[in-house]
Structures are given as structure tokens and as C-alpha cells.
Amino acid sequence: MTDRRYTAYRRVRTKLGVLATEIELCPEERLLFDDCAEGLLLAREEDDEVRSLRLKAAVGLSLLVGSERMTSAEADAIYEQMVLCGPVLAQDAAAA
């Protein structure tokens, strides 16, 4: 874990707290995103778990956008912070 990753984790947790009241996240939705952020924070290296956690977060956010409870821009911002919680993957380094 690095300072950058922990800072991103705290941002995600804070935003989820705000969203819980703004868009009325149900407990299961909140738990999904909390688990994804924490799992990414604690991941040590690139592996299938990191990809799986990113996918779960993306699908969950997409469902919120699809149900019009969140805008695409809001979902993108949360997803970017979620990705920053985890280790840098080879595909991320190649894109940079």
C-alpha cells in the first residue's frame, strides 16, 4: 500500500458516504463498492483479483448510471479513484 493508494481509498469512501444519502445507495450497493475499494487497496500486485474487483466496480457503477441514479461523469470519477486504490497494472503502464 502506498500513500497515493490510501488517499484514493479515502476519497472513494468519502464519496460513497455522500452518495449513500444523495442517491440512496442500498446497503448491498455500498458494501459492493466498499469491498472493491478495500480489496484494491490491499492487493499487492497485478493479478486476476485486481481485474475482477475493477470489473465489479465498473458493472455496479454502470447499473447506477443505467438506472439514472448517477451521471456518467460521476461514475467515471469514482471509477478513476477506485482504480487508483489498487496496484498499477501492466495495461495501465502501457496506456500512460
N, C-alpha and C. Protein backbone atom coordinates (compact mmCIF):
# COMPACT_ATOMS: atom_id res chain seq x y z
N MET A 1 0.85 -1.17 0.00
CA MET A 1 0.00 0.00 0.00
C MET A 1 0.90 1.24 0.00
N THR A 2 0.48 2.22 -0.75
CA THR A 2 1.23 3.47 -0.82
C THR A 2 0.34 4.62 -0.35
N ASP A 3 0.95 5.78 -0.12
CA ASP A 3 0.17 6.95 0.26
C ASP A 3 -0.84 7.32 -0.82
N ARG A 4 -0.41 7.22 -2.09
CA ARG A 4 -1.31 7.54 -3.20
C ARG A 4 -2.54 6.63 -3.18
N ARG A 5 -2.32 5.36 -2.97
CA ARG A 5 -3.42 4.40 -2.96
C ARG A 5 -4.34 4.64 -1.76
N TYR A 6 -3.75 4.92 -0.62
CA TYR A 6 -4.58 5.15 0.58
C TYR A 6 -5.39 6.43 0.43
N THR A 7 -4.81 7.46 -0.15
CA THR A 7 -5.53 8.70 -0.38
C THR A 7 -6.72 8.46 -1.32
N ALA A 8 -6.50 7.70 -2.38
CA ALA A 8 -7.58 7.37 -3.31
C ALA A 8 -8.68 6.58 -2.58
N TYR A 9 -8.29 5.66 -1.73
CA TYR A 9 -9.24 4.87 -0.96
C TYR A 9 -10.10 5.77 -0.08
N ARG A 10 -9.47 6.71 0.60
CA ARG A 10 -10.22 7.62 1.47
C ARG A 10 -11.19 8.48 0.64
N ARG A 11 -10.75 8.90 -0.54
CA ARG A 11 -11.64 9.68 -1.42
C ARG A 11 -12.86 8.86 -1.84
N VAL A 12 -12.63 7.60 -2.19
CA VAL A 12 -13.74 6.73 -2.58
C VAL A 12 -14.71 6.57 -1.42
N ARG A 13 -14.17 6.30 -0.24
CA ARG A 13 -15.03 6.10 0.94
C ARG A 13 -15.84 7.35 1.26
N THR A 14 -15.20 8.51 1.14
CA THR A 14 -15.90 9.77 1.40
C THR A 14 -17.01 9.98 0.38
N LYS A 15 -16.70 9.78 -0.89
CA LYS A 15 -17.70 9.96 -1.95
C LYS A 15 -18.85 8.97 -1.78
N LEU A 16 -18.55 7.75 -1.40
CA LEU A 16 -19.61 6.77 -1.19
C LEU A 16 -20.52 7.18 -0.04
N GLY A 17 -19.94 7.79 0.99
CA GLY A 17 -20.75 8.29 2.10
C GLY A 17 -21.71 9.36 1.65
N VAL A 18 -21.24 10.25 0.79
CA VAL A 18 -22.10 11.31 0.24
C VAL A 18 -23.17 10.70 -0.65
N LEU A 19 -22.76 9.77 -1.50
CA LEU A 19 -23.72 9.15 -2.42
C LEU A 19 -24.78 8.32 -1.70
N ALA A 20 -24.40 7.76 -0.57
CA ALA A 20 -25.35 6.95 0.18
C ALA A 20 -26.61 7.74 0.52
N THR A 21 -26.44 9.04 0.76
CA THR A 21 -27.60 9.87 1.07
C THR A 21 -28.15 10.55 -0.19
N GLU A 22 -27.27 10.99 -1.09
CA GLU A 22 -27.73 11.70 -2.29
C GLU A 22 -28.55 10.83 -3.23
N ILE A 23 -28.06 9.64 -3.51
CA ILE A 23 -28.77 8.77 -4.46
C ILE A 23 -29.34 7.54 -3.77
N GLU A 24 -29.26 7.53 -2.46
CA GLU A 24 -29.81 6.45 -1.66
C GLU A 24 -29.27 5.08 -2.06
N LEU A 25 -27.96 4.94 -1.96
CA LEU A 25 -27.35 3.63 -2.18
C LEU A 25 -27.92 2.66 -1.16
N CYS A 26 -28.32 1.50 -1.62
CA CYS A 26 -28.79 0.49 -0.67
C CYS A 26 -27.57 -0.13 0.01
N PRO A 27 -27.75 -0.77 1.16
CA PRO A 27 -26.61 -1.34 1.88
C PRO A 27 -25.77 -2.30 1.03
N GLU A 28 -26.42 -3.08 0.17
CA GLU A 28 -25.69 -4.03 -0.67
C GLU A 28 -24.81 -3.31 -1.69
N GLU A 29 -25.33 -2.22 -2.25
CA GLU A 29 -24.53 -1.44 -3.21
C GLU A 29 -23.33 -0.81 -2.51
N ARG A 30 -23.58 -0.24 -1.37
CA ARG A 30 -22.48 0.38 -0.61
C ARG A 30 -21.43 -0.66 -0.26
N LEU A 31 -21.86 -1.83 0.18
CA LEU A 31 -20.94 -2.90 0.54
C LEU A 31 -20.11 -3.35 -0.67
N LEU A 32 -20.75 -3.46 -1.83
CA LEU A 32 -20.03 -3.84 -3.04
C LEU A 32 -18.87 -2.88 -3.32
N PHE A 33 -19.18 -1.58 -3.32
CA PHE A 33 -18.14 -0.59 -3.62
C PHE A 33 -17.09 -0.51 -2.51
N ASP A 34 -17.52 -0.63 -1.26
CA ASP A 34 -16.55 -0.64 -0.15
C ASP A 34 -15.60 -1.82 -0.28
N ASP A 35 -16.15 -2.99 -0.58
CA ASP A 35 -15.33 -4.20 -0.73
C ASP A 35 -14.35 -4.07 -1.90
N CYS A 36 -14.82 -3.51 -3.00
CA CYS A 36 -13.94 -3.33 -4.16
C CYS A 36 -12.79 -2.38 -3.82
N ALA A 37 -13.10 -1.25 -3.20
CA ALA A 37 -12.06 -0.28 -2.86
C ALA A 37 -11.06 -0.88 -1.87
N GLU A 38 -11.55 -1.57 -0.86
CA GLU A 38 -10.65 -2.16 0.13
C GLU A 38 -9.81 -3.28 -0.47
N GLY A 39 -10.44 -4.11 -1.30
CA GLY A 39 -9.70 -5.19 -1.96
C GLY A 39 -8.59 -4.65 -2.84
N LEU A 40 -8.89 -3.58 -3.58
CA LEU A 40 -7.86 -2.97 -4.43
C LEU A 40 -6.75 -2.36 -3.58
N LEU A 41 -7.12 -1.71 -2.49
CA LEU A 41 -6.12 -1.10 -1.61
C LEU A 41 -5.15 -2.15 -1.07
N LEU A 42 -5.68 -3.30 -0.71
CA LEU A 42 -4.86 -4.33 -0.07
C LEU A 42 -4.16 -5.26 -1.06
N ALA A 43 -4.51 -5.17 -2.34
CA ALA A 43 -3.88 -6.03 -3.35
C ALA A 43 -2.40 -5.67 -3.47
N ARG A 44 -1.57 -6.68 -3.58
CA ARG A 44 -0.13 -6.45 -3.61
C ARG A 44 0.44 -6.30 -5.01
N GLU A 45 -0.18 -6.96 -5.96
CA GLU A 45 0.38 -6.93 -7.30
C GLU A 45 -0.69 -7.25 -8.33
N GLU A 46 -0.29 -7.14 -9.56
CA GLU A 46 -1.22 -7.44 -10.66
C GLU A 46 -1.65 -8.90 -10.58
N ASP A 47 -2.94 -9.12 -10.60
CA ASP A 47 -3.45 -10.48 -10.64
C ASP A 47 -4.91 -10.45 -11.07
N ASP A 48 -5.50 -11.63 -11.16
CA ASP A 48 -6.89 -11.74 -11.60
C ASP A 48 -7.85 -11.08 -10.61
N GLU A 49 -7.49 -11.08 -9.33
CA GLU A 49 -8.36 -10.47 -8.32
C GLU A 49 -8.52 -8.97 -8.58
N VAL A 50 -7.43 -8.30 -8.94
CA VAL A 50 -7.48 -6.87 -9.22
C VAL A 50 -8.41 -6.61 -10.41
N ARG A 51 -8.25 -7.39 -11.45
CA ARG A 51 -9.11 -7.24 -12.63
C ARG A 51 -10.58 -7.50 -12.27
N SER A 52 -10.83 -8.51 -11.46
CA SER A 52 -12.18 -8.85 -11.04
C SER A 52 -12.80 -7.72 -10.20
N LEU A 53 -12.04 -7.15 -9.29
CA LEU A 53 -12.54 -6.05 -8.46
C LEU A 53 -12.87 -4.83 -9.31
N ARG A 54 -11.99 -4.53 -10.27
CA ARG A 54 -12.26 -3.41 -11.17
C ARG A 54 -13.53 -3.65 -11.98
N LEU A 55 -13.71 -4.87 -12.45
CA LEU A 55 -14.90 -5.21 -13.23
C LEU A 55 -16.17 -5.08 -12.39
N LYS A 56 -16.13 -5.57 -11.15
CA LYS A 56 -17.29 -5.46 -10.27
C LYS A 56 -17.66 -4.00 -10.04
N ALA A 57 -16.66 -3.18 -9.80
CA ALA A 57 -16.92 -1.75 -9.58
C ALA A 57 -17.51 -1.12 -10.83
N ALA A 58 -16.95 -1.45 -11.99
CA ALA A 58 -17.44 -0.88 -13.25
C ALA A 58 -18.88 -1.29 -13.53
N VAL A 59 -19.20 -2.55 -13.30
CA VAL A 59 -20.57 -3.03 -13.54
C VAL A 59 -21.54 -2.36 -12.57
N GLY A 60 -21.15 -2.28 -11.30
CA GLY A 60 -22.01 -1.64 -10.31
C GLY A 60 -22.28 -0.18 -10.65
N LEU A 61 -21.24 0.53 -11.05
CA LEU A 61 -21.40 1.94 -11.43
C LEU A 61 -22.24 2.07 -12.69
N SER A 62 -22.04 1.16 -13.63
CA SER A 62 -22.84 1.18 -14.86
C SER A 62 -24.33 0.99 -14.57
N LEU A 63 -24.62 0.13 -13.62
CA LEU A 63 -26.02 -0.08 -13.24
C LEU A 63 -26.63 1.18 -12.62
N LEU A 64 -25.83 1.90 -11.84
CA LEU A 64 -26.33 3.16 -11.27
C LEU A 64 -26.57 4.20 -12.36
N VAL A 65 -25.67 4.23 -13.34
CA VAL A 65 -25.86 5.16 -14.47
C VAL A 65 -27.08 4.75 -15.27
N GLY A 66 -27.22 3.46 -15.55
CA GLY A 66 -28.35 2.95 -16.32
C GLY A 66 -29.69 3.21 -15.66
N SER A 67 -29.69 3.22 -14.33
CA SER A 67 -30.94 3.49 -13.60
C SER A 67 -31.13 4.99 -13.37
N GLU A 68 -30.24 5.78 -13.95
CA GLU A 68 -30.27 7.25 -13.86
C GLU A 68 -30.17 7.77 -12.43
N ARG A 69 -29.49 7.02 -11.58
CA ARG A 69 -29.26 7.47 -10.22
C ARG A 69 -27.93 8.20 -10.10
N MET A 70 -27.13 8.13 -11.18
CA MET A 70 -25.81 8.74 -11.20
C MET A 70 -25.50 9.10 -12.65
N THR A 71 -24.75 10.17 -12.83
CA THR A 71 -24.35 10.54 -14.19
C THR A 71 -23.11 9.74 -14.60
N SER A 72 -22.86 9.69 -15.89
CA SER A 72 -21.66 9.01 -16.39
C SER A 72 -20.40 9.69 -15.84
N ALA A 73 -20.41 11.00 -15.77
CA ALA A 73 -19.25 11.74 -15.26
C ALA A 73 -18.97 11.39 -13.80
N GLU A 74 -20.02 11.29 -12.99
CA GLU A 74 -19.85 10.91 -11.58
C GLU A 74 -19.29 9.49 -11.47
N ALA A 75 -19.84 8.58 -12.27
CA ALA A 75 -19.38 7.19 -12.25
C ALA A 75 -17.93 7.10 -12.70
N ASP A 76 -17.57 7.84 -13.74
CA ASP A 76 -16.18 7.84 -14.22
C ASP A 76 -15.23 8.34 -13.15
N ALA A 77 -15.62 9.41 -12.44
CA ALA A 77 -14.76 9.97 -11.40
C ALA A 77 -14.54 8.97 -10.26
N ILE A 78 -15.60 8.29 -9.86
CA ILE A 78 -15.47 7.29 -8.79
C ILE A 78 -14.62 6.12 -9.27
N TYR A 79 -14.86 5.68 -10.50
CA TYR A 79 -14.09 4.55 -11.03
C TYR A 79 -12.59 4.91 -11.10
N GLU A 80 -12.27 6.11 -11.54
CA GLU A 80 -10.86 6.52 -11.60
C GLU A 80 -10.21 6.46 -10.22
N GLN A 81 -10.92 6.94 -9.21
CA GLN A 81 -10.39 6.87 -7.85
C GLN A 81 -10.29 5.42 -7.38
N MET A 82 -11.27 4.61 -7.77
CA MET A 82 -11.25 3.20 -7.40
C MET A 82 -10.01 2.51 -7.99
N VAL A 83 -9.72 2.80 -9.26
CA VAL A 83 -8.55 2.21 -9.91
C VAL A 83 -7.27 2.65 -9.18
N LEU A 84 -7.23 3.90 -8.74
CA LEU A 84 -6.04 4.40 -8.04
C LEU A 84 -5.84 3.75 -6.68
N CYS A 85 -6.87 3.10 -6.16
CA CYS A 85 -6.73 2.38 -4.88
C CYS A 85 -5.83 1.16 -5.04
N GLY A 86 -5.77 0.62 -6.24
CA GLY A 86 -5.05 -0.63 -6.46
C GLY A 86 -3.69 -0.45 -7.07
N PRO A 87 -3.00 -1.57 -7.26
CA PRO A 87 -1.68 -1.51 -7.88
C PRO A 87 -1.80 -1.16 -9.37
N VAL A 88 -0.74 -0.62 -9.91
CA VAL A 88 -0.70 -0.30 -11.33
C VAL A 88 -0.54 -1.59 -12.11
N LEU A 89 -1.43 -1.81 -13.07
CA LEU A 89 -1.36 -2.99 -13.91
C LEU A 89 -0.52 -2.70 -15.14
N ALA A 90 0.01 -3.74 -15.75
CA ALA A 90 0.84 -3.59 -16.94
C ALA A 90 0.07 -2.82 -18.03
N GLN A 91 -1.21 -3.09 -18.18
CA GLN A 91 -2.01 -2.39 -19.19
C GLN A 91 -2.12 -0.91 -18.88
N ASP A 92 -2.13 -0.54 -17.59
CA ASP A 92 -2.17 0.87 -17.20
C ASP A 92 -0.87 1.57 -17.58
N ALA A 93 0.24 0.91 -17.32
CA ALA A 93 1.55 1.48 -17.62
C ALA A 93 1.73 1.65 -19.13
N ALA A 94 1.21 0.71 -19.90
CA ALA A 94 1.33 0.78 -21.36
C ALA A 94 0.50 1.94 -21.92
N ALA A 95 -0.65 2.21 -21.28
CA ALA A 95 -1.51 3.29 -21.74
C ALA A 95 -0.98 4.67 -21.40
N ALA A 96 -0.12 4.73 -20.40
CA ALA A 96 0.40 6.04 -19.95
C ALA A 96 1.48 6.58 -20.80
